[in-house]
Protein backbone atom coordinates (compact mmCIF):
# COMPACT_ATOMS: atom_id res chain seq x y z
CA UNK A 1 11.19 27.68 -11.93
CA UNK A 2 13.70 25.25 -10.42
CA UNK A 3 12.07 21.82 -10.14
CA UNK A 4 15.30 19.87 -9.55
CA UNK A 5 14.37 19.08 -5.95
CA UNK A 6 10.98 17.73 -7.10
CA UNK A 7 12.29 15.45 -9.84
CA UNK A 8 14.68 13.76 -7.39
CA UNK A 9 12.15 13.03 -4.65
CA UNK A 10 13.24 10.33 -2.22
CA UNK A 11 10.66 8.98 0.22
CA UNK A 12 11.18 5.49 1.52
CA UNK A 13 10.01 5.13 5.15
CA UNK A 14 11.34 2.15 7.08
CA UNK A 15 7.98 0.36 7.08
CA UNK A 16 8.21 -0.02 3.29
CA UNK A 17 11.22 -2.32 3.61
CA UNK A 18 9.20 -4.42 6.03
CA UNK A 19 6.18 -4.35 3.70
CA UNK A 20 8.24 -5.53 0.73
CA UNK A 21 9.63 -8.41 2.79
CA UNK A 22 6.12 -9.33 3.93
CA UNK A 23 4.88 -9.37 0.34
CA UNK A 24 7.73 -11.62 -0.72
CA UNK A 25 7.05 -14.04 2.15
CA UNK A 26 3.31 -14.24 1.42
CA UNK A 27 3.47 -14.46 -2.34
CA UNK A 28 3.51 -18.26 -2.20
CA UNK A 29 0.09 -18.17 -0.51
CA UNK A 30 -1.66 -16.47 -3.44
CA UNK A 31 -2.73 -17.47 -6.94
CA UNK A 32 -3.00 -14.05 -8.55
CA UNK A 33 -1.36 -10.67 -8.08
CA UNK A 34 -3.67 -7.70 -8.61
CA UNK A 35 -1.46 -4.71 -9.34
CA UNK A 36 -3.19 -1.35 -8.96
CA UNK A 37 -1.83 1.57 -10.98
CA UNK A 38 -3.02 5.16 -10.93
CA UNK A 39 -4.66 5.64 -14.34
CA UNK A 40 -3.37 9.21 -14.47
CA UNK A 41 0.26 8.07 -14.12
CA UNK A 42 0.48 4.33 -14.91
CA UNK A 43 4.18 4.44 -15.67
CA UNK A 44 5.20 6.46 -12.61
CA UNK A 45 2.96 4.42 -10.28
CA UNK A 46 4.33 1.07 -11.47
CA UNK A 47 6.78 -0.24 -8.88
CA UNK A 48 9.64 -2.13 -10.60
CA UNK A 49 10.10 -4.21 -7.43
CA UNK A 50 6.68 -5.74 -8.09
CA UNK A 51 7.76 -6.83 -11.58
CA UNK A 52 10.54 -8.86 -9.97
CA UNK A 53 8.26 -10.22 -7.23
CA UNK A 54 5.52 -11.25 -9.64
CA UNK A 55 7.54 -12.65 -12.52
CA UNK A 56 6.23 -16.19 -11.92
CA UNK A 57 2.70 -15.20 -10.88
CA UNK A 58 -0.44 -14.63 -12.86
CA UNK A 59 -1.11 -10.92 -12.76
CA UNK A 60 -3.92 -8.47 -13.42
CA UNK A 61 -3.05 -4.83 -14.08
CA UNK A 62 -5.77 -2.52 -12.77
CA UNK A 63 -5.91 1.07 -13.98
CA UNK A 64 -7.66 2.60 -10.98
CA UNK A 65 -8.94 6.16 -10.55
CA UNK A 66 -9.88 6.01 -14.22
CA UNK A 67 -12.59 8.60 -13.61
CA UNK A 68 -9.83 11.14 -12.89
CA UNK A 69 -7.90 10.31 -16.09
CA UNK A 70 -9.05 11.17 -19.59
CA UNK A 71 -10.81 8.40 -21.50
CA UNK A 72 -8.39 8.36 -24.42
CA UNK A 73 -5.50 7.98 -22.00
CA UNK A 74 -7.25 5.06 -20.30
CA UNK A 75 -7.74 3.33 -23.65
CA UNK A 76 -4.10 3.90 -24.60
CA UNK A 77 -2.74 2.46 -21.36
CA UNK A 78 -5.11 -0.51 -21.48
CA UNK A 79 -3.91 -1.29 -25.02
CA UNK A 80 -0.30 -0.84 -23.91
CA UNK A 81 -0.48 -3.38 -21.07
CA UNK A 82 -2.54 -5.82 -23.09
CA UNK A 83 0.18 -5.78 -25.73
CA UNK A 84 2.63 -6.69 -22.98
CA UNK A 85 0.49 -9.74 -22.22
CA UNK A 86 -1.35 -8.63 -19.09
CA UNK A 87 -5.02 -8.95 -18.30
CA UNK A 88 -6.19 -5.36 -17.75
CA UNK A 89 -9.16 -3.84 -15.93
CA UNK A 90 -10.09 -0.16 -15.87
CA UNK A 91 -11.71 0.80 -12.58
CA UNK A 92 -13.00 3.53 -10.33
CA UNK A 93 -12.89 1.95 -6.88
CA UNK A 94 -14.63 4.93 -5.28
CA UNK A 95 -17.70 4.44 -7.44
CA UNK A 96 -17.31 0.69 -7.94
CA UNK A 97 -17.03 0.78 -11.73
CA UNK A 98 -15.01 -2.06 -13.24
CA UNK A 99 -14.58 -4.10 -10.05
CA UNK A 100 -16.63 -7.04 -11.32
CA UNK A 101 -14.23 -7.27 -14.24
CA UNK A 102 -11.25 -7.69 -11.88
CA UNK A 103 -12.87 -10.66 -10.13
CA UNK A 104 -13.93 -12.13 -13.50
CA UNK A 105 -10.37 -11.87 -14.81
CA UNK A 106 -9.03 -13.58 -11.68
CA UNK A 107 -11.48 -16.46 -12.19
CA UNK A 108 -10.53 -16.63 -15.86
CA UNK A 109 -6.82 -16.86 -15.01
CA UNK A 110 -7.49 -19.61 -12.46
CA UNK A 111 -9.97 -21.57 -14.60
CA UNK A 112 -7.66 -24.60 -14.88
CA UNK A 113 -7.08 -24.77 -11.12
CA UNK A 114 -10.81 -24.48 -10.46
CA UNK A 115 -11.56 -27.22 -13.01
CA UNK A 116 -8.94 -29.55 -11.49
CA UNK A 117 -10.30 -29.01 -8.00
CA UNK A 118 -13.87 -29.68 -9.00
CA UNK A 119 -12.80 -32.79 -10.95
CA UNK A 120 -11.44 -34.10 -7.65
CA UNK A 121 -14.76 -33.54 -5.97
CA UNK A 122 -14.14 -30.16 -4.30
CA UNK A 123 -17.29 -28.07 -4.16
CA UNK A 124 -15.38 -24.87 -3.48
CA UNK A 125 -11.99 -24.06 -5.01
CA UNK A 126 -10.85 -20.78 -3.43
CA UNK A 127 -8.98 -18.12 -5.36
CA UNK A 128 -6.50 -16.12 -3.30
CA UNK A 129 -5.26 -12.81 -4.65
CA UNK A 130 -2.83 -10.22 -3.33
CA UNK A 131 -3.49 -6.54 -4.01
CA UNK A 132 -0.35 -4.47 -4.45
CA UNK A 133 0.49 -0.93 -5.48
CA UNK A 134 2.04 2.36 -4.45
CA UNK A 135 0.55 4.37 -1.57
CA UNK A 136 -2.81 6.08 -2.11
CA UNK A 137 -3.63 4.20 -5.32
CA UNK A 138 -6.94 2.90 -3.92
CA UNK A 139 -6.22 -0.62 -2.63
CA UNK A 140 -8.21 -0.31 0.59
CA UNK A 141 -11.05 1.48 -1.18
CA UNK A 142 -11.26 -1.39 -3.66
CA UNK A 143 -11.35 -4.00 -0.91
CA UNK A 144 -14.07 -2.10 0.94
CA UNK A 145 -16.13 -1.93 -2.24
CA UNK A 146 -15.78 -5.68 -2.75
CA UNK A 147 -16.61 -6.50 0.85
CA UNK A 148 -19.51 -4.07 1.05
CA UNK A 149 -18.30 -2.54 4.28
CA UNK A 150 -15.29 -0.75 5.70
CA UNK A 151 -13.08 -3.74 6.48
CA UNK A 152 -9.84 -2.08 5.37
CA UNK A 153 -8.75 1.33 6.56
CA UNK A 154 -9.16 4.12 3.99
CA UNK A 155 -7.75 7.61 3.93
CA UNK A 156 -6.83 10.09 1.23
CA UNK A 157 -3.17 9.99 2.19
CA UNK A 158 -0.32 7.52 1.76
CA UNK A 159 0.77 5.04 4.38
CA UNK A 160 -2.55 4.08 6.00
CA UNK A 161 -2.35 0.30 5.60
CA UNK A 162 0.49 -0.83 7.89
CA UNK A 163 0.17 -4.63 7.82
CA UNK A 164 -1.36 -7.45 5.85
CA UNK A 165 -5.11 -8.15 6.01
CA UNK A 166 -6.94 -11.16 4.58
CA UNK A 167 -10.43 -10.22 3.41
CA UNK A 168 -13.09 -12.79 2.47
CA UNK A 169 -14.90 -11.31 -0.52
CA UNK A 170 -17.03 -14.40 -1.14
CA UNK A 171 -16.99 -18.08 -0.25
CA UNK A 172 -14.39 -18.76 -2.94
CA UNK A 173 -12.53 -15.46 -3.33
CA UNK A 174 -10.06 -13.99 -0.80
CA UNK A 175 -7.96 -10.85 -1.03
CA UNK A 176 -4.75 -10.06 0.81
CA UNK A 177 -4.33 -6.34 1.30
CA UNK A 178 -0.79 -5.02 1.67
CA UNK A 179 0.76 -1.65 2.54
CA UNK A 180 1.57 0.64 -0.36
CA UNK A 181 5.24 0.51 -1.26
CA UNK A 182 7.48 2.82 -3.21
CA UNK A 183 11.01 1.92 -4.24
CA UNK A 184 14.22 3.47 -2.83
CA UNK A 185 15.15 5.44 -5.96
CA UNK A 186 11.85 6.77 -7.26
CA UNK A 187 11.58 7.44 -10.98
CA UNK A 188 8.53 9.53 -11.76
CA UNK A 189 8.60 11.02 -8.28
CA UNK A 190 7.16 14.31 -9.52
CA UNK A 191 4.01 12.67 -10.87
CA UNK A 192 3.66 10.53 -7.74
CA UNK A 193 3.90 13.67 -5.62
CA UNK A 194 1.36 15.56 -7.73
CA UNK A 195 -1.22 12.78 -7.41
CA UNK A 196 -0.70 12.35 -3.66
CA UNK A 197 1.30 9.11 -3.42
CA UNK A 198 4.08 10.86 -1.47
CA UNK A 199 3.52 12.60 1.84
CA UNK A 200 2.83 16.27 1.16
CA UNK A 201 4.53 17.27 4.41
CA UNK A 202 8.00 16.62 2.96
CA UNK A 203 7.32 18.56 -0.26
CA UNK A 204 7.39 22.17 -1.40
CA UNK A 205 3.73 22.40 -2.38
CA UNK A 206 4.11 25.71 -4.18
CA UNK A 207 6.69 24.18 -6.53
CA UNK A 208 4.50 21.11 -6.86
CA UNK A 209 1.52 23.23 -7.90
CA UNK A 210 3.65 25.10 -10.41
CA UNK A 211 4.84 21.81 -11.87
CA UNK A 212 1.23 20.67 -12.26
CA UNK A 213 0.20 23.94 -13.93
CA UNK A 214 3.03 23.43 -16.41
CA UNK A 215 1.57 20.03 -17.34
CA UNK A 216 -2.03 21.24 -17.69
CA UNK A 217 -4.06 22.81 -20.42
CA UNK A 218 -4.93 26.36 -19.47
CA UNK A 219 -8.47 25.60 -20.64
CA UNK A 220 -8.93 23.40 -17.56
CA UNK A 221 -7.83 26.28 -15.37
CA UNK A 222 -10.13 28.72 -17.16
CA UNK A 223 -13.16 26.48 -16.66
CA UNK A 224 -12.52 25.98 -12.96
CA UNK A 225 -11.38 29.46 -11.91
CA UNK A 226 -13.34 31.55 -14.41
CA UNK A 227 -10.46 33.42 -15.98
CA UNK A 228 -8.50 32.69 -19.13
CA UNK A 229 -4.71 32.67 -18.68
CA UNK A 230 -2.74 34.12 -21.55
CA UNK A 231 -0.91 31.37 -23.48
CA UNK A 232 2.40 33.01 -22.60
CA UNK A 233 1.65 33.28 -18.86
CA UNK A 234 4.15 31.40 -16.73
CA UNK A 235 2.94 28.92 -14.08
CA UNK A 236 3.97 31.46 -11.43
CA UNK A 237 1.69 34.08 -13.01
CA UNK A 238 -1.18 31.60 -13.25
CA UNK A 239 -0.87 30.55 -9.60
CA UNK A 240 -0.81 34.21 -8.56
CA UNK A 241 -3.97 34.89 -10.58
CA UNK A 242 -5.73 31.90 -9.01
CA UNK A 243 -4.80 33.31 -5.60
CA UNK A 244 -6.29 36.69 -6.57
CA UNK A 245 -9.48 35.14 -7.96
CA UNK A 246 -9.98 33.10 -4.79
CA UNK A 247 -9.10 36.02 -2.53
CA UNK A 248 -6.35 34.20 -0.66
CA UNK A 249 -4.35 36.92 1.09
CA UNK A 250 -1.69 37.05 3.78
CA UNK A 251 -1.99 39.45 6.72
CA UNK A 252 0.27 41.93 4.94
CA UNK A 253 -2.02 41.89 1.90
CA UNK A 254 0.24 39.77 -0.29
CA UNK A 255 -0.96 36.67 -2.11
CA UNK A 256 -1.16 33.50 0.01
CA UNK A 257 0.49 31.25 -2.54
CA UNK A 258 0.92 28.30 -0.17
CA UNK A 259 -2.80 28.14 0.58
CA UNK A 260 -3.51 28.53 -3.13
CA UNK A 261 -1.12 25.71 -3.99
CA UNK A 262 -2.58 23.35 -1.38
CA UNK A 263 -6.14 23.91 -2.60
CA UNK A 264 -5.10 23.72 -6.26
CA UNK A 265 -3.47 20.32 -5.68
CA UNK A 266 -6.46 19.09 -3.69
CA UNK A 267 -8.83 20.14 -6.45
CA UNK A 268 -6.77 18.34 -9.09
CA UNK A 269 -6.63 15.18 -6.98
CA UNK A 270 -10.37 15.37 -6.45
CA UNK A 271 -11.15 15.69 -10.16
CA UNK A 272 -12.39 19.28 -9.94
CA UNK A 273 -9.96 20.43 -12.64
CA UNK A 274 -11.23 17.90 -15.15
CA UNK A 275 -9.97 14.47 -16.22
CA UNK A 276 -6.25 14.77 -16.82
CA UNK A 277 -3.76 12.01 -17.63
CA UNK A 278 -0.22 13.17 -16.90
CA UNK A 279 1.60 10.55 -18.98
CA UNK A 280 0.62 8.50 -22.01
CA UNK A 281 2.23 5.58 -23.83
CA UNK A 282 3.04 5.50 -27.51
CA UNK A 283 0.16 3.28 -28.64
CA UNK A 284 -1.62 3.35 -32.00
CA UNK A 285 -5.27 3.09 -30.97
CA UNK A 286 -6.28 2.29 -34.55
CA UNK A 287 -4.36 -0.98 -34.56
CA UNK A 288 -6.23 -4.23 -34.16
CA UNK A 289 -5.01 -6.08 -31.05
CA UNK A 290 -2.85 -9.04 -32.05
CA UNK A 291 -2.26 -12.38 -30.40
CA UNK A 292 -1.39 -11.88 -26.73
CA UNK A 293 1.43 -13.67 -24.94
CA UNK A 294 0.54 -16.01 -22.07
CA UNK A 295 -0.11 -14.30 -18.72
CA UNK A 296 1.75 -15.90 -15.86
């Protein structure tokens, strides 16, 4: 299978340049940067442009969609970013798990500012945070969960949030939502495409499904589709078998591999194929965490 066109994915719509400029202009208005990563692909979903933007800002790394990643992978990535000196929260914005921890970490990082303000007689010292991340990582879903209502647009596709939105979460906590941004030369484009951060309409979804099958344990496939692939089966053979099991046929009787691929990808993205982390750091989980460098 030739995946060369998938590993060199380029998708950088014009609005992303505008979004990056808007983020840069508004960074001075915020105290904390909340950087959402996809817990299944934390490395691929980490935009290097944000590292440059946030180098002088206090930052919280949020491993979102943790319910779709395996627990050991979540622990490994949390340990990895903590060793780099970040405050880290593990969340599932859809269900709301872990969101209180994000707000608590923001208050912890801004404790000195809050104390100074109150020492000067201010009853309310607001914390302003900017939420950033690649498309479809769950920024708007997180904001809606915080606010308790649909204040930010949400869709299971990239590119929904087009402009900045200030959201009052409480009397002393405000969030600035921003559009999802990729970077012009995408490293990890294959993983971003598999998880839905890149518009499916520009991709060969059959090749994408085959690439995902190659990364998966066949046990996950067996549990979902009720057949056990042979260990030596190629991804092409597995996708064909899934098509046969599901009964997806073309008018001429041949296997409808495109329909199979689309549904297979949707089921992975929806967690129906089990919790699967596509990339993991080299972290010794048995080590005791050492002294952490200063955040910010």
